[in-house]
All heavy atoms as atom14 arrays in JSON, in Angstrom:
{
  "sequence": "WYYNKTPVELKNPKNTYVYVLDPMLATGNSSV",
  "atom14_mask": [
    [1, 1, 1, 1, 1, 1, 1, 1, 1, 1, 1, 1, 1, 1],
    [1, 1, 1, 1, 1, 1, 1, 1, 1, 1, 1, 1, 0, 0],
    [1, 1, 1, 1, 1, 1, 1, 1, 1, 1, 1, 1, 0, 0],
    [1, 1, 1, 1, 1, 1, 1, 1, 0, 0, 0, 0, 0, 0],
    [1, 1, 1, 1, 1, 1, 1, 1, 1, 0, 0, 0, 0, 0],
    [1, 1, 1, 1, 1, 1, 1, 0, 0, 0, 0, 0, 0, 0],
    [1, 1, 1, 1, 1, 1, 1, 0, 0, 0, 0, 0, 0, 0],
    [1, 1, 1, 1, 1, 1, 1, 0, 0, 0, 0, 0, 0, 0],
    [1, 1, 1, 1, 1, 1, 1, 1, 1, 0, 0, 0, 0, 0],
    [1, 1, 1, 1, 1, 1, 1, 1, 0, 0, 0, 0, 0, 0],
    [1, 1, 1, 1, 1, 1, 1, 1, 1, 0, 0, 0, 0, 0],
    [1, 1, 1, 1, 1, 1, 1, 1, 0, 0, 0, 0, 0, 0],
    [1, 1, 1, 1, 1, 1, 1, 0, 0, 0, 0, 0, 0, 0],
    [1, 1, 1, 1, 1, 1, 1, 1, 1, 0, 0, 0, 0, 0],
    [1, 1, 1, 1, 1, 1, 1, 1, 0, 0, 0, 0, 0, 0],
    [1, 1, 1, 1, 1, 1, 1, 0, 0, 0, 0, 0, 0, 0],
    [1, 1, 1, 1, 1, 1, 1, 1, 1, 1, 1, 1, 0, 0],
    [1, 1, 1, 1, 1, 1, 1, 0, 0, 0, 0, 0, 0, 0],
    [1, 1, 1, 1, 1, 1, 1, 1, 1, 1, 1, 1, 0, 0],
    [1, 1, 1, 1, 1, 1, 1, 0, 0, 0, 0, 0, 0, 0],
    [1, 1, 1, 1, 1, 1, 1, 1, 0, 0, 0, 0, 0, 0],
    [1, 1, 1, 1, 1, 1, 1, 1, 0, 0, 0, 0, 0, 0],
    [1, 1, 1, 1, 1, 1, 1, 0, 0, 0, 0, 0, 0, 0],
    [1, 1, 1, 1, 1, 1, 1, 1, 0, 0, 0, 0, 0, 0],
    [1, 1, 1, 1, 1, 1, 1, 1, 0, 0, 0, 0, 0, 0],
    [1, 1, 1, 1, 1, 0, 0, 0, 0, 0, 0, 0, 0, 0],
    [1, 1, 1, 1, 1, 1, 1, 0, 0, 0, 0, 0, 0, 0],
    [1, 1, 1, 1, 0, 0, 0, 0, 0, 0, 0, 0, 0, 0],
    [1, 1, 1, 1, 1, 1, 1, 1, 0, 0, 0, 0, 0, 0],
    [1, 1, 1, 1, 1, 1, 0, 0, 0, 0, 0, 0, 0, 0],
    [1, 1, 1, 1, 1, 1, 0, 0, 0, 0, 0, 0, 0, 0],
    [1, 1, 1, 1, 1, 1, 1, 0, 0, 0, 0, 0, 0, 0]
  ],
  "atom14_positions": [
    [[21.32, -27.83, 60.08], [22.49, -26.99, 60.34], [22.44, -26.5, 61.8], [21.37, -26.15, 62.32], [22.56, -25.79, 59.43], [23.03, -26.08, 58.02], [22.26, -26.38, 56.97], [24.38, -26.02, 57.56], [23.05, -26.58, 55.84], [24.33, -26.36, 56.22], [25.58, -25.69, 58.18], [25.5, -26.39, 55.44], [26.76, -25.75, 57.4], [26.71, -26.09, 56.04]],
    [[23.64, -26.47, 62.48], [23.69, -25.79, 63.79], [24.99, -24.92, 63.94], [25.13, -24.26, 64.89], [23.62, -26.82, 64.87], [24.72, -27.84, 65.0], [25.87, -27.52, 65.73], [24.68, -29.02, 64.39], [26.92, -28.44, 65.85], [25.71, -29.92, 64.49], [26.82, -29.67, 65.22], [27.85, -30.53, 65.34], [0.0, 0.0, 0.0], [0.0, 0.0, 0.0]],
    [[25.9, -25.06, 62.93], [27.16, -24.23, 63.05], [27.73, -24.07, 61.66], [27.79, -25.05, 60.92], [28.14, -24.93, 63.99], [29.38, -24.17, 64.36], [29.32, -23.13, 65.24], [30.63, -24.46, 63.76], [30.39, -22.39, 65.61], [31.72, -23.72, 64.11], [31.64, -22.68, 65.03], [32.72, -21.94, 65.36], [0.0, 0.0, 0.0], [0.0, 0.0, 0.0]],
    [[28.22, -22.84, 61.34], [28.84, -22.57, 60.04], [29.99, -21.59, 60.29], [29.73, -20.4, 60.55], [27.8, -22.06, 59.14], [28.41, -21.71, 57.74], [29.62, -21.92, 57.48], [27.58, -21.16, 56.92], [0.0, 0.0, 0.0], [0.0, 0.0, 0.0], [0.0, 0.0, 0.0], [0.0, 0.0, 0.0], [0.0, 0.0, 0.0], [0.0, 0.0, 0.0]],
    [[31.21, -22.08, 60.16], [32.34, -21.22, 60.35], [33.05, -20.88, 59.06], [34.22, -20.55, 59.0], [33.33, -21.87, 61.35], [34.38, -20.97, 61.93], [33.81, -19.73, 62.7], [34.87, -18.88, 63.31], [34.35, -17.64, 63.88], [0.0, 0.0, 0.0], [0.0, 0.0, 0.0], [0.0, 0.0, 0.0], [0.0, 0.0, 0.0], [0.0, 0.0, 0.0]],
    [[32.35, -21.0, 57.95], [32.96, -20.67, 56.64], [32.96, -19.14, 56.46], [32.07, -18.46, 56.95], [32.18, -21.31, 55.47], [30.81, -20.9, 55.51], [32.15, -22.84, 55.61], [0.0, 0.0, 0.0], [0.0, 0.0, 0.0], [0.0, 0.0, 0.0], [0.0, 0.0, 0.0], [0.0, 0.0, 0.0], [0.0, 0.0, 0.0], [0.0, 0.0, 0.0]],
    [[33.89, -18.62, 55.64], [33.9, -17.19, 55.46], [32.71, -16.74, 54.62], [32.16, -17.45, 53.79], [35.21, -17.04, 54.61], [35.43, -18.28, 53.92], [34.97, -19.37, 54.89], [0.0, 0.0, 0.0], [0.0, 0.0, 0.0], [0.0, 0.0, 0.0], [0.0, 0.0, 0.0], [0.0, 0.0, 0.0], [0.0, 0.0, 0.0], [0.0, 0.0, 0.0]],
    [[32.28, -15.48, 54.86], [31.11, -14.93, 54.11], [31.52, -14.84, 52.65], [30.71, -15.2, 51.78], [30.79, -13.53, 54.68], [29.68, -12.9, 53.82], [30.37, -13.61, 56.13], [0.0, 0.0, 0.0], [0.0, 0.0, 0.0], [0.0, 0.0, 0.0], [0.0, 0.0, 0.0], [0.0, 0.0, 0.0], [0.0, 0.0, 0.0], [0.0, 0.0, 0.0]],
    [[32.71, -14.46, 52.36], [33.23, -14.37, 50.98], [34.62, -14.99, 50.93], [35.38, -14.93, 51.91], [33.29, -12.89, 50.49], [31.92, -12.24, 50.33], [32.1, -10.81, 49.84], [33.22, -10.35, 49.6], [31.02, -10.2, 49.6], [0.0, 0.0, 0.0], [0.0, 0.0, 0.0], [0.0, 0.0, 0.0], [0.0, 0.0, 0.0], [0.0, 0.0, 0.0]],
    [[34.95, -15.59, 49.79], [36.29, -16.12, 49.57], [37.21, -15.02, 49.05], [36.8, -14.25, 48.13], [36.29, -17.28, 48.6], [35.45, -18.47, 49.04], [35.44, -19.54, 47.92], [36.04, -19.1, 50.32], [0.0, 0.0, 0.0], [0.0, 0.0, 0.0], [0.0, 0.0, 0.0], [0.0, 0.0, 0.0], [0.0, 0.0, 0.0], [0.0, 0.0, 0.0]],
    [[38.41, -14.89, 49.59], [39.34, -13.82, 49.11], [39.75, -14.01, 47.69], [39.82, -13.06, 46.93], [40.59, -13.83, 50.04], [40.37, -13.43, 51.48], [41.64, -13.38, 52.23], [42.27, -14.74, 52.39], [43.51, -14.75, 53.18], [0.0, 0.0, 0.0], [0.0, 0.0, 0.0], [0.0, 0.0, 0.0], [0.0, 0.0, 0.0], [0.0, 0.0, 0.0]],
    [[39.93, -15.28, 47.3], [40.4, -15.55, 45.99], [39.69, -16.81, 45.47], [40.31, -17.89, 45.42], [41.94, -15.77, 46.05], [42.55, -15.88, 44.66], [41.86, -15.74, 43.63], [43.82, -16.23, 44.61], [0.0, 0.0, 0.0], [0.0, 0.0, 0.0], [0.0, 0.0, 0.0], [0.0, 0.0, 0.0], [0.0, 0.0, 0.0], [0.0, 0.0, 0.0]],
    [[38.42, -16.65, 45.14], [37.63, -17.89, 44.84], [38.14, -18.81, 43.71], [37.99, -20.03, 43.83], [36.22, -17.36, 44.45], [36.46, -15.92, 44.2], [37.61, -15.51, 44.96], [0.0, 0.0, 0.0], [0.0, 0.0, 0.0], [0.0, 0.0, 0.0], [0.0, 0.0, 0.0], [0.0, 0.0, 0.0], [0.0, 0.0, 0.0], [0.0, 0.0, 0.0]],
    [[38.72, -18.21, 42.7], [39.21, -19.08, 41.57], [40.52, -19.8, 41.93], [40.88, -20.79, 41.25], [39.46, -18.17, 40.37], [38.19, -17.48, 39.86], [37.05, -18.47, 39.55], [35.83, -17.7, 39.09], [34.68, -18.65, 38.91], [0.0, 0.0, 0.0], [0.0, 0.0, 0.0], [0.0, 0.0, 0.0], [0.0, 0.0, 0.0], [0.0, 0.0, 0.0]],
    [[41.19, -19.41, 43.05], [42.36, -20.1, 43.44], [42.25, -20.55, 44.89], [43.21, -20.58, 45.65], [43.6, -19.17, 43.37], [44.95, -19.95, 43.3], [45.02, -21.12, 42.91], [46.0, -19.27, 43.7], [0.0, 0.0, 0.0], [0.0, 0.0, 0.0], [0.0, 0.0, 0.0], [0.0, 0.0, 0.0], [0.0, 0.0, 0.0], [0.0, 0.0, 0.0]],
    [[41.02, -21.02, 45.18], [40.71, -21.6, 46.57], [40.55, -23.13, 46.4], [39.87, -23.57, 45.47], [39.48, -21.03, 47.09], [39.66, -19.64, 47.36], [39.08, -21.63, 48.4], [0.0, 0.0, 0.0], [0.0, 0.0, 0.0], [0.0, 0.0, 0.0], [0.0, 0.0, 0.0], [0.0, 0.0, 0.0], [0.0, 0.0, 0.0], [0.0, 0.0, 0.0]],
    [[41.15, -23.86, 47.29], [41.03, -25.34, 47.3], [40.45, -25.76, 48.59], [40.96, -25.4, 49.68], [42.44, -25.94, 47.11], [42.95, -25.7, 45.69], [43.54, -24.52, 45.32], [42.95, -26.68, 44.71], [43.98, -24.23, 44.06], [43.4, -26.45, 43.42], [43.94, -25.24, 43.13], [44.39, -25.0, 41.81], [0.0, 0.0, 0.0], [0.0, 0.0, 0.0]],
    [[39.37, -26.49, 48.57], [38.6, -26.87, 49.74], [38.64, -28.45, 49.88], [38.42, -29.16, 48.89], [37.17, -26.41, 49.72], [36.4, -26.92, 50.88], [37.16, -24.91, 49.65], [0.0, 0.0, 0.0], [0.0, 0.0, 0.0], [0.0, 0.0, 0.0], [0.0, 0.0, 0.0], [0.0, 0.0, 0.0], [0.0, 0.0, 0.0], [0.0, 0.0, 0.0]],
    [[38.89, -28.89, 51.1], [38.91, -30.33, 51.34], [37.83, -30.59, 52.52], [38.07, -30.19, 53.66], [40.35, -30.78, 51.82], [41.3, -30.55, 50.71], [41.91, -29.32, 50.63], [41.48, -31.51, 49.69], [42.83, -29.02, 49.55], [42.38, -31.23, 48.69], [43.05, -29.99, 48.61], [43.86, -29.76, 47.55], [0.0, 0.0, 0.0], [0.0, 0.0, 0.0]],
    [[36.72, -31.13, 52.08], [35.59, -31.44, 53.07], [35.88, -32.82, 53.66], [36.12, -33.74, 52.96], [34.27, -31.43, 52.41], [33.17, -31.73, 53.41], [34.03, -30.03, 51.78], [0.0, 0.0, 0.0], [0.0, 0.0, 0.0], [0.0, 0.0, 0.0], [0.0, 0.0, 0.0], [0.0, 0.0, 0.0], [0.0, 0.0, 0.0], [0.0, 0.0, 0.0]],
    [[35.86, -32.86, 54.98], [36.2, -34.11, 55.7], [35.0, -34.65, 56.41], [34.44, -34.05, 57.31], [37.36, -33.85, 56.71], [38.57, -33.08, 56.25], [39.55, -32.86, 57.43], [39.21, -33.68, 55.07], [0.0, 0.0, 0.0], [0.0, 0.0, 0.0], [0.0, 0.0, 0.0], [0.0, 0.0, 0.0], [0.0, 0.0, 0.0], [0.0, 0.0, 0.0]],
    [[34.49, -35.79, 56.01], [33.42, -36.48, 56.67], [33.56, -38.04, 56.46], [33.48, -38.5, 55.34], [32.09, -36.03, 56.04], [30.87, -36.48, 56.83], [31.09, -37.11, 57.87], [29.76, -36.2, 56.37], [0.0, 0.0, 0.0], [0.0, 0.0, 0.0], [0.0, 0.0, 0.0], [0.0, 0.0, 0.0], [0.0, 0.0, 0.0], [0.0, 0.0, 0.0]],
    [[33.79, -38.73, 57.56], [34.12, -40.13, 57.42], [33.05, -40.99, 56.62], [33.51, -41.93, 55.95], [34.2, -40.64, 58.89], [34.63, -39.48, 59.65], [33.93, -38.29, 58.97], [0.0, 0.0, 0.0], [0.0, 0.0, 0.0], [0.0, 0.0, 0.0], [0.0, 0.0, 0.0], [0.0, 0.0, 0.0], [0.0, 0.0, 0.0], [0.0, 0.0, 0.0]],
    [[31.78, -40.6, 56.65], [30.82, -41.41, 56.03], [30.0, -40.64, 54.94], [29.44, -39.63, 55.27], [29.82, -41.95, 57.1], [30.45, -42.6, 58.29], [31.39, -44.1, 57.93], [30.12, -45.31, 57.73], [0.0, 0.0, 0.0], [0.0, 0.0, 0.0], [0.0, 0.0, 0.0], [0.0, 0.0, 0.0], [0.0, 0.0, 0.0], [0.0, 0.0, 0.0]],
    [[30.06, -41.13, 53.74], [29.25, -40.59, 52.68], [28.05, -41.54, 52.49], [28.2, -42.57, 51.76], [30.01, -40.4, 51.36], [29.29, -40.0, 50.13], [28.42, -38.79, 50.32], [30.22, -39.82, 48.98], [0.0, 0.0, 0.0], [0.0, 0.0, 0.0], [0.0, 0.0, 0.0], [0.0, 0.0, 0.0], [0.0, 0.0, 0.0], [0.0, 0.0, 0.0]],
    [[26.97, -41.3, 53.18], [25.82, -42.25, 53.15], [24.75, -41.84, 52.16], [24.79, -42.17, 51.03], [25.26, -42.42, 54.6], [0.0, 0.0, 0.0], [0.0, 0.0, 0.0], [0.0, 0.0, 0.0], [0.0, 0.0, 0.0], [0.0, 0.0, 0.0], [0.0, 0.0, 0.0], [0.0, 0.0, 0.0], [0.0, 0.0, 0.0], [0.0, 0.0, 0.0]],
    [[23.76, -41.07, 52.68], [22.7, -40.54, 51.81], [23.24, -39.5, 50.83], [22.68, -39.29, 49.72], [21.51, -39.94, 52.53], [22.02, -38.81, 53.31], [20.98, -40.99, 53.57], [0.0, 0.0, 0.0], [0.0, 0.0, 0.0], [0.0, 0.0, 0.0], [0.0, 0.0, 0.0], [0.0, 0.0, 0.0], [0.0, 0.0, 0.0], [0.0, 0.0, 0.0]],
    [[24.27, -38.78, 51.21], [24.78, -37.68, 50.38], [24.12, -36.38, 50.62], [24.49, -35.33, 50.06], [0.0, 0.0, 0.0], [0.0, 0.0, 0.0], [0.0, 0.0, 0.0], [0.0, 0.0, 0.0], [0.0, 0.0, 0.0], [0.0, 0.0, 0.0], [0.0, 0.0, 0.0], [0.0, 0.0, 0.0], [0.0, 0.0, 0.0], [0.0, 0.0, 0.0]],
    [[23.08, -36.29, 51.49], [22.36, -35.09, 51.74], [23.21, -33.98, 52.34], [23.2, -32.82, 51.87], [21.14, -35.33, 52.6], [20.13, -36.27, 51.93], [20.02, -36.25, 50.71], [19.36, -36.99, 52.67], [0.0, 0.0, 0.0], [0.0, 0.0, 0.0], [0.0, 0.0, 0.0], [0.0, 0.0, 0.0], [0.0, 0.0, 0.0], [0.0, 0.0, 0.0]],
    [[23.96, -34.29, 53.43], [24.78, -33.29, 54.06], [25.94, -32.93, 53.16], [26.43, -31.78, 53.19], [25.29, -33.82, 55.42], [26.08, -34.98, 55.24], [0.0, 0.0, 0.0], [0.0, 0.0, 0.0], [0.0, 0.0, 0.0], [0.0, 0.0, 0.0], [0.0, 0.0, 0.0], [0.0, 0.0, 0.0], [0.0, 0.0, 0.0], [0.0, 0.0, 0.0]],
    [[26.41, -33.86, 52.36], [27.52, -33.62, 51.4], [27.08, -32.54, 50.42], [27.79, -31.62, 50.14], [27.9, -34.9, 50.75], [28.14, -35.9, 51.6], [0.0, 0.0, 0.0], [0.0, 0.0, 0.0], [0.0, 0.0, 0.0], [0.0, 0.0, 0.0], [0.0, 0.0, 0.0], [0.0, 0.0, 0.0], [0.0, 0.0, 0.0], [0.0, 0.0, 0.0]],
    [[25.9, -32.7, 49.87], [25.48, -31.71, 48.83], [25.19, -30.39, 49.43], [25.6, -29.35, 48.85], [24.08, -32.24, 48.24], [23.46, -31.18, 47.36], [24.35, -33.46, 47.33], [0.0, 0.0, 0.0], [0.0, 0.0, 0.0], [0.0, 0.0, 0.0], [0.0, 0.0, 0.0], [0.0, 0.0, 0.0], [0.0, 0.0, 0.0], [0.0, 0.0, 0.0]]
  ]
}
């Protein structure tokens, strides 16, 4: 890790939709 701009807490966690964008899913380590 070198940067994390995610919120400390989600305002509405049960109604939050997240789309993670990463062109390559290789080992899956960073994805997890």
